[in-house]
C-alpha cells in the first residue's frame, strides 16, 4: 500500500474559503506542480487544486490514523 502524505495549512492568504488554517490536507502527487513550488491538495470544495507549497508544512500521520481517515471518507 502506498503511503498517503499529509500537510498542515499554515497560510491561506487569498484562499480563506478554500483552505482552513491548522487543518490537515492530503497531498496528491503532482511532479509538474512540485517543480513550480506548488502542491496539489484536496481543499474545502472536495476537489484537488494547486496551492503554493509554503502555505503548508509536512506532518507525519500514524498509520492507524491514516486508516481511520480512509474509513471515514
PDB file of N, CA and C in Angstrom:
ATOM      1  N   UNK A   1       0.841  -1.174   0.000  1.00  0.00           N
ATOM      2  CA  UNK A   1       0.000   0.000   0.000  1.00  0.00           C
ATOM      3  C   UNK A   1       0.891   1.242   0.000  1.00  0.00           C
ATOM      4  N   UNK A   2       0.567   2.220  -0.863  1.00  0.00           N
ATOM      5  CA  UNK A   2       1.377   3.435  -0.889  1.00  0.00           C
ATOM      6  C   UNK A   2       1.063   4.303   0.317  1.00  0.00           C
ATOM      7  N   UNK A   3       2.090   5.002   0.774  1.00  0.00           N
ATOM      8  CA  UNK A   3       1.923   5.866   1.948  1.00  0.00           C
ATOM      9  C   UNK A   3       1.258   7.175   1.510  1.00  0.00           C
ATOM     10  N   UNK A   4       0.177   7.521   2.175  1.00  0.00           N
ATOM     11  CA  UNK A   4      -0.514   8.773   1.912  1.00  0.00           C
ATOM     12  C   UNK A   4       0.169   9.851   2.723  1.00  0.00           C
ATOM     13  N   UNK A   5       0.434  10.989   2.088  1.00  0.00           N
ATOM     14  CA  UNK A   5       1.115  12.088   2.765  1.00  0.00           C
ATOM     15  C   UNK A   5       0.113  13.187   3.101  1.00  0.00           C
ATOM     16  N   UNK A   6       0.383  13.835   4.222  1.00  0.00           N
ATOM     17  CA  UNK A   6      -0.461  14.925   4.682  1.00  0.00           C
ATOM     18  C   UNK A   6       0.375  16.155   4.997  1.00  0.00           C
ATOM     19  N   UNK A   7      -0.269  17.303   4.922  1.00  0.00           N
ATOM     20  CA  UNK A   7       0.343  18.572   5.293  1.00  0.00           C
ATOM     21  C   UNK A   7      -0.646  19.321   6.172  1.00  0.00           C
ATOM     22  N   UNK A   8      -0.135  20.283   6.936  1.00  0.00           N
ATOM     23  CA  UNK A   8      -0.992  21.150   7.734  1.00  0.00           C
ATOM     24  C   UNK A   8      -0.915  22.547   7.119  1.00  0.00           C
ATOM     25  N   UNK A   9      -2.053  23.197   7.001  1.00  0.00           N
ATOM     26  CA  UNK A   9      -2.131  24.533   6.411  1.00  0.00           C
ATOM     27  C   UNK A   9      -1.672  25.579   7.428  1.00  0.00           C
ATOM     28  N   UNK A  10      -0.681  26.396   7.040  1.00  0.00           N
ATOM     29  CA  UNK A  10      -0.174  27.443   7.923  1.00  0.00           C
ATOM     30  C   UNK A  10      -0.366  28.836   7.315  1.00  0.00           C
ATOM     31  N   UNK A  11      -0.928  28.905   6.102  1.00  0.00           N
ATOM     32  CA  UNK A  11      -1.152  30.180   5.413  1.00  0.00           C
ATOM     33  C   UNK A  11      -2.292  29.974   4.416  1.00  0.00           C
ATOM     34  N   UNK A  12      -3.208  30.923   4.343  1.00  0.00           N
ATOM     35  CA  UNK A  12      -4.298  30.796   3.373  1.00  0.00           C
ATOM     36  C   UNK A  12      -4.623  32.125   2.689  1.00  0.00           C
ATOM     37  N   UNK A  13      -3.652  33.019   2.659  1.00  0.00           N
ATOM     38  CA  UNK A  13      -3.857  34.347   2.067  1.00  0.00           C
ATOM     39  C   UNK A  13      -4.387  34.216   0.634  1.00  0.00           C
ATOM     40  N   UNK A  14      -5.539  34.826   0.403  1.00  0.00           N
ATOM     41  CA  UNK A  14      -6.164  34.776  -0.911  1.00  0.00           C
ATOM     42  C   UNK A  14      -7.095  33.596  -1.103  1.00  0.00           C
ATOM     43  N   UNK A  15      -7.089  32.649  -0.150  1.00  0.00           N
ATOM     44  CA  UNK A  15      -7.905  31.438  -0.267  1.00  0.00           C
ATOM     45  C   UNK A  15      -8.633  31.096   1.032  1.00  0.00           C
ATOM     46  N   UNK A  16      -9.182  32.065   1.758  1.00  0.00           N
ATOM     47  CA  UNK A  16      -9.773  31.746   3.067  1.00  0.00           C
ATOM     48  C   UNK A  16     -10.964  30.791   3.002  1.00  0.00           C
ATOM     49  N   UNK A  17     -11.684  30.762   1.896  1.00  0.00           N
ATOM     50  CA  UNK A  17     -12.823  29.846   1.775  1.00  0.00           C
ATOM     51  C   UNK A  17     -12.383  28.441   1.358  1.00  0.00           C
ATOM     52  N   UNK A  18     -11.189  28.344   0.795  1.00  0.00           N
ATOM     53  CA  UNK A  18     -10.714  27.064   0.274  1.00  0.00           C
ATOM     54  C   UNK A  18      -9.790  26.313   1.221  1.00  0.00           C
ATOM     55  N   UNK A  19      -9.064  27.057   2.053  1.00  0.00           N
ATOM     56  CA  UNK A  19      -8.090  26.455   2.963  1.00  0.00           C
ATOM     57  C   UNK A  19      -8.321  26.948   4.383  1.00  0.00           C
ATOM     58  N   UNK A  20      -8.385  26.017   5.326  1.00  0.00           N
ATOM     59  CA  UNK A  20      -8.531  26.363   6.735  1.00  0.00           C
ATOM     60  C   UNK A  20      -7.177  26.262   7.426  1.00  0.00           C
ATOM     61  N   UNK A  21      -6.815  27.308   8.137  1.00  0.00           N
ATOM     62  CA  UNK A  21      -5.559  27.283   8.883  1.00  0.00           C
ATOM     63  C   UNK A  21      -5.579  26.160   9.921  1.00  0.00           C
ATOM     64  N   UNK A  22      -4.430  25.535  10.117  1.00  0.00           N
ATOM     65  CA  UNK A  22      -4.220  24.457  11.093  1.00  0.00           C
ATOM     66  C   UNK A  22      -4.989  23.177  10.765  1.00  0.00           C
ATOM     67  N   UNK A  23      -5.485  23.043   9.560  1.00  0.00           N
ATOM     68  CA  UNK A  23      -6.196  21.828   9.159  1.00  0.00           C
ATOM     69  C   UNK A  23      -5.267  20.933   8.342  1.00  0.00           C
ATOM     70  N   UNK A  24      -5.452  19.610   8.492  1.00  0.00           N
ATOM     71  CA  UNK A  24      -4.682  18.653   7.700  1.00  0.00           C
ATOM     72  C   UNK A  24      -5.299  18.499   6.317  1.00  0.00           C
ATOM     73  N   UNK A  25      -4.425  18.404   5.321  1.00  0.00           N
ATOM     74  CA  UNK A  25      -4.858  18.162   3.946  1.00  0.00           C
ATOM     75  C   UNK A  25      -4.028  17.035   3.358  1.00  0.00           C
ATOM     76  N   UNK A  26      -4.681  16.220   2.551  1.00  0.00           N
ATOM     77  CA  UNK A  26      -3.999  15.132   1.861  1.00  0.00           C
ATOM     78  C   UNK A  26      -3.305  15.674   0.615  1.00  0.00           C
ATOM     79  N   UNK A  27      -2.074  15.243   0.411  1.00  0.00           N
ATOM     80  CA  UNK A  27      -1.313  15.622  -0.782  1.00  0.00           C
ATOM     81  C   UNK A  27      -1.620  14.617  -1.890  1.00  0.00           C
ATOM     82  N   UNK A  28      -1.840  15.126  -3.086  1.00  0.00           N
ATOM     83  CA  UNK A  28      -1.957  14.279  -4.261  1.00  0.00           C
ATOM     84  C   UNK A  28      -0.684  14.473  -5.084  1.00  0.00           C
ATOM     85  N   UNK A  29      -0.037  13.382  -5.501  1.00  0.00           N
ATOM     86  CA  UNK A  29       1.219  13.508  -6.240  1.00  0.00           C
ATOM     87  C   UNK A  29       1.042  14.314  -7.532  1.00  0.00           C
ATOM     88  N   UNK A  30       1.964  15.246  -7.778  1.00  0.00           N
ATOM     89  CA  UNK A  30       1.955  16.058  -8.994  1.00  0.00           C
ATOM     90  C   UNK A  30       3.368  16.596  -9.195  1.00  0.00           C
ATOM     91  N   UNK A  31       4.193  15.835  -9.895  1.00  0.00           N
ATOM     92  CA  UNK A  31       5.599  16.190 -10.086  1.00  0.00           C
ATOM     93  C   UNK A  31       5.751  17.522 -10.810  1.00  0.00           C
ATOM     94  N   UNK A  32       4.908  17.809 -11.795  1.00  0.00           N
ATOM     95  CA  UNK A  32       4.994  19.079 -12.519  1.00  0.00           C
ATOM     96  C   UNK A  32       4.754  20.251 -11.577  1.00  0.00           C
ATOM     97  N   UNK A  33       3.745  20.147 -10.728  1.00  0.00           N
ATOM     98  CA  UNK A  33       3.421  21.216  -9.785  1.00  0.00           C
ATOM     99  C   UNK A  33       4.569  21.443  -8.813  1.00  0.00           C
ATOM    100  N   UNK A  34       5.126  20.360  -8.299  1.00  0.00           N
ATOM    101  CA  UNK A  34       6.216  20.470  -7.329  1.00  0.00           C
ATOM    102  C   UNK A  34       7.408  21.204  -7.923  1.00  0.00           C
ATOM    103  N   UNK A  35       7.635  21.014  -9.221  1.00  0.00           N
ATOM    104  CA  UNK A  35       8.721  21.706  -9.906  1.00  0.00           C
ATOM    105  C   UNK A  35       8.515  23.209  -9.992  1.00  0.00           C
ATOM    106  N   UNK A  36       7.299  23.653  -9.765  1.00  0.00           N
ATOM    107  CA  UNK A  36       6.966  25.073  -9.804  1.00  0.00           C
ATOM    108  C   UNK A  36       6.657  25.637  -8.415  1.00  0.00           C
ATOM    109  N   UNK A  37       7.010  24.884  -7.365  1.00  0.00           N
ATOM    110  CA  UNK A  37       6.792  25.355  -5.999  1.00  0.00           C
ATOM    111  C   UNK A  37       5.349  25.279  -5.546  1.00  0.00           C
ATOM    112  N   UNK A  38       4.570  24.400  -6.192  1.00  0.00           N
ATOM    113  CA  UNK A  38       3.159  24.237  -5.854  1.00  0.00           C
ATOM    114  C   UNK A  38       2.914  22.847  -5.276  1.00  0.00           C
ATOM    115  N   UNK A  39       1.780  22.699  -4.630  1.00  0.00           N
ATOM    116  CA  UNK A  39       1.384  21.418  -4.059  1.00  0.00           C
ATOM    117  C   UNK A  39      -0.094  21.199  -4.377  1.00  0.00           C
ATOM    118  N   UNK A  40      -0.455  19.962  -4.689  1.00  0.00           N
ATOM    119  CA  UNK A  40      -1.852  19.634  -5.008  1.00  0.00           C
ATOM    120  C   UNK A  40      -2.496  19.002  -3.782  1.00  0.00           C
ATOM    121  N   UNK A  41      -3.557  19.638  -3.289  1.00  0.00           N
ATOM    122  CA  UNK A  41      -4.287  19.118  -2.134  1.00  0.00           C
ATOM    123  C   UNK A  41      -5.776  19.113  -2.425  1.00  0.00           C
ATOM    124  N   UNK A  42      -6.505  18.279  -1.687  1.00  0.00           N
ATOM    125  CA  UNK A  42      -7.958  18.278  -1.740  1.00  0.00           C
ATOM    126  C   UNK A  42      -8.407  19.340  -0.739  1.00  0.00           C
ATOM    127  N   UNK A  43      -9.011  20.418  -1.242  1.00  0.00           N
ATOM    128  CA  UNK A  43      -9.365  21.530  -0.372  1.00  0.00           C
ATOM    129  C   UNK A  43     -10.805  21.442   0.119  1.00  0.00           C
ATOM    130  N   UNK A  44     -11.315  22.544   0.669  1.00  0.00           N
ATOM    131  CA  UNK A  44     -12.655  22.556   1.269  1.00  0.00           C
ATOM    132  C   UNK A  44     -13.780  22.315   0.260  1.00  0.00           C
ATOM    133  N   UNK A  45     -13.503  22.490  -1.027  1.00  0.00           N
ATOM    134  CA  UNK A  45     -14.515  22.226  -2.052  1.00  0.00           C
ATOM    135  C   UNK A  45     -14.681  20.727  -2.285  1.00  0.00           C
ATOM    136  N   UNK A  46     -13.720  19.933  -1.784  1.00  0.00           N
ATOM    137  CA  UNK A  46     -13.727  18.492  -2.024  1.00  0.00           C
ATOM    138  C   UNK A  46     -13.012  18.108  -3.304  1.00  0.00           C
ATOM    139  N   UNK A  47     -12.508  19.107  -4.009  1.00  0.00           N
ATOM    140  CA  UNK A  47     -11.757  18.890  -5.251  1.00  0.00           C
ATOM    141  C   UNK A  47     -10.283  19.160  -4.988  1.00  0.00           C
ATOM    142  N   UNK A  48      -9.424  18.676  -5.899  1.00  0.00           N
ATOM    143  CA  UNK A  48      -7.993  18.936  -5.743  1.00  0.00           C
ATOM    144  C   UNK A  48      -7.577  20.145  -6.576  1.00  0.00           C
ATOM    145  N   UNK A  49      -6.767  20.990  -5.937  1.00  0.00           N
ATOM    146  CA  UNK A  49      -6.271  22.207  -6.569  1.00  0.00           C
ATOM    147  C   UNK A  49      -4.820  22.430  -6.179  1.00  0.00           C
ATOM    148  N   UNK A  50      -4.156  23.294  -6.931  1.00  0.00           N
ATOM    149  CA  UNK A  50      -2.775  23.651  -6.654  1.00  0.00           C
ATOM    150  C   UNK A  50      -2.712  24.898  -5.783  1.00  0.00           C
ATOM    151  N   UNK A  51      -1.794  24.854  -4.811  1.00  0.00           N
ATOM    152  CA  UNK A  51      -1.555  25.989  -3.921  1.00  0.00           C
ATOM    153  C   UNK A  51      -0.050  26.131  -3.718  1.00  0.00           C
ATOM    154  N   UNK A  52       0.396  27.318  -3.302  1.00  0.00           N
ATOM    155  CA  UNK A  52       1.830  27.493  -3.019  1.00  0.00           C
ATOM    156  C   UNK A  52       2.297  26.522  -1.931  1.00  0.00           C
ATOM    157  N   UNK A  53       3.430  25.908  -2.172  1.00  0.00           N
ATOM    158  CA  UNK A  53       3.995  24.924  -1.231  1.00  0.00           C
ATOM    159  C   UNK A  53       4.197  25.529   0.157  1.00  0.00           C
ATOM    160  N   UNK A  54       4.562  26.816   0.207  1.00  0.00           N
ATOM    161  CA  UNK A  54       4.855  27.410   1.510  1.00  0.00           C
ATOM    162  C   UNK A  54       3.606  27.726   2.336  1.00  0.00           C
ATOM    163  N   UNK A  55       2.435  27.400   1.828  1.00  0.00           N
ATOM    164  CA  UNK A  55       1.196  27.503   2.606  1.00  0.00           C
ATOM    165  C   UNK A  55       1.055  26.326   3.567  1.00  0.00           C
ATOM    166  N   UNK A  56       1.920  25.322   3.428  1.00  0.00           N
ATOM    167  CA  UNK A  56       1.783  24.065   4.166  1.00  0.00           C
ATOM    168  C   UNK A  56       3.106  23.620   4.772  1.00  0.00           C
ATOM    169  N   UNK A  57       2.981  22.836   5.846  1.00  0.00           N
ATOM    170  CA  UNK A  57       4.122  22.141   6.428  1.00  0.00           C
ATOM    171  C   UNK A  57       3.802  20.656   6.454  1.00  0.00           C
ATOM    172  N   UNK A  58       4.791  19.807   6.127  1.00  0.00           N
ATOM    173  CA  UNK A  58       4.542  18.367   6.154  1.00  0.00           C
ATOM    174  C   UNK A  58       4.307  17.880   7.577  1.00  0.00           C
ATOM    175  N   UNK A  59       3.521  16.827   7.692  1.00  0.00           N
ATOM    176  CA  UNK A  59       3.230  16.255   9.006  1.00  0.00           C
ATOM    177  C   UNK A  59       3.194  14.734   8.875  1.00  0.00           C
ATOM    178  N   UNK A  60       3.782  14.060   9.849  1.00  0.00           N
ATOM    179  CA  UNK A  60       3.743  12.598   9.883  1.00  0.00           C
ATOM    180  C   UNK A  60       2.452  12.162  10.578  1.00  0.00           C
ATOM    181  N   UNK A  61       1.675  11.359   9.899  1.00  0.00           N
ATOM    182  CA  UNK A  61       0.420  10.860  10.451  1.00  0.00           C
ATOM    183  C   UNK A  61       0.582   9.358  10.690  1.00  0.00           C
ATOM    184  N   UNK A  62       0.355   8.897  11.911  1.00  0.00           N
ATOM    185  CA  UNK A  62       0.470   7.463  12.181  1.00  0.00           C
ATOM    186  C   UNK A  62      -0.446   6.643  11.267  1.00  0.00           C
ATOM    187  N   UNK A  63      -0.011   5.442  10.947  1.00  0.00           N
ATOM    188  CA  UNK A  63      -0.768   4.579  10.050  1.00  0.00           C
ATOM    189  C   UNK A  63      -2.185   4.316  10.570  1.00  0.00           C
ATOM    190  N   UNK A  64      -2.356   4.191  11.875  1.00  0.00           N
ATOM    191  CA  UNK A  64      -3.690   3.940  12.439  1.00  0.00           C
ATOM    192  C   UNK A  64      -4.632   5.103  12.135  1.00  0.00           C
ATOM    193  N   UNK A  65      -4.121   6.320  12.152  1.00  0.00           N
ATOM    194  CA  UNK A  65      -4.969   7.482  11.833  1.00  0.00           C
ATOM    195  C   UNK A  65      -5.259   7.525  10.334  1.00  0.00           C
ATOM    196  N   UNK A  66      -4.271   7.203   9.508  1.00  0.00           N
ATOM    197  CA  UNK A  66      -4.491   7.153   8.057  1.00  0.00           C
ATOM    198  C   UNK A  66      -5.595   6.179   7.730  1.00  0.00           C
ATOM    199  N   UNK A  67      -5.617   5.013   8.388  1.00  0.00           N
ATOM    200  CA  UNK A  67      -6.679   4.016   8.169  1.00  0.00           C
ATOM    201  C   UNK A  67      -8.040   4.565   8.628  1.00  0.00           C
ATOM    202  N   UNK A  68      -8.063   5.261   9.735  1.00  0.00           N
ATOM    203  CA  UNK A  68      -9.307   5.849  10.227  1.00  0.00           C
ATOM    204  C   UNK A  68      -9.840   6.897   9.260  1.00  0.00           C
ATOM    205  N   UNK A  69      -8.928   7.715   8.695  1.00  0.00           N
ATOM    206  CA  UNK A  69      -9.330   8.709   7.693  1.00  0.00           C
ATOM    207  C   UNK A  69      -9.954   8.019   6.481  1.00  0.00           C
ATOM    208  N   UNK A  70      -9.331   6.921   6.033  1.00  0.00           N
ATOM    209  CA  UNK A  70      -9.809   6.202   4.857  1.00  0.00           C
ATOM    210  C   UNK A  70     -11.213   5.627   5.093  1.00  0.00           C
ATOM    211  N   UNK A  71     -11.469   5.131   6.296  1.00  0.00           N
ATOM    212  CA  UNK A  71     -12.787   4.578   6.613  1.00  0.00           C
ATOM    213  C   UNK A  71     -13.856   5.657   6.659  1.00  0.00           C
ATOM    214  N   UNK A  72     -13.470   6.865   7.097  1.00  0.00           N
ATOM    215  CA  UNK A  72     -14.431   7.953   7.258  1.00  0.00           C
ATOM    216  C   UNK A  72     -14.829   8.589   5.938  1.00  0.00           C
ATOM    217  N   UNK A  73     -14.019   8.399   4.904  1.00  0.00           N
ATOM    218  CA  UNK A  73     -14.339   9.067   3.636  1.00  0.00           C
ATOM    219  C   UNK A  73     -15.183   8.236   2.721  1.00  0.00           C
TER     220      UNK A  73
END
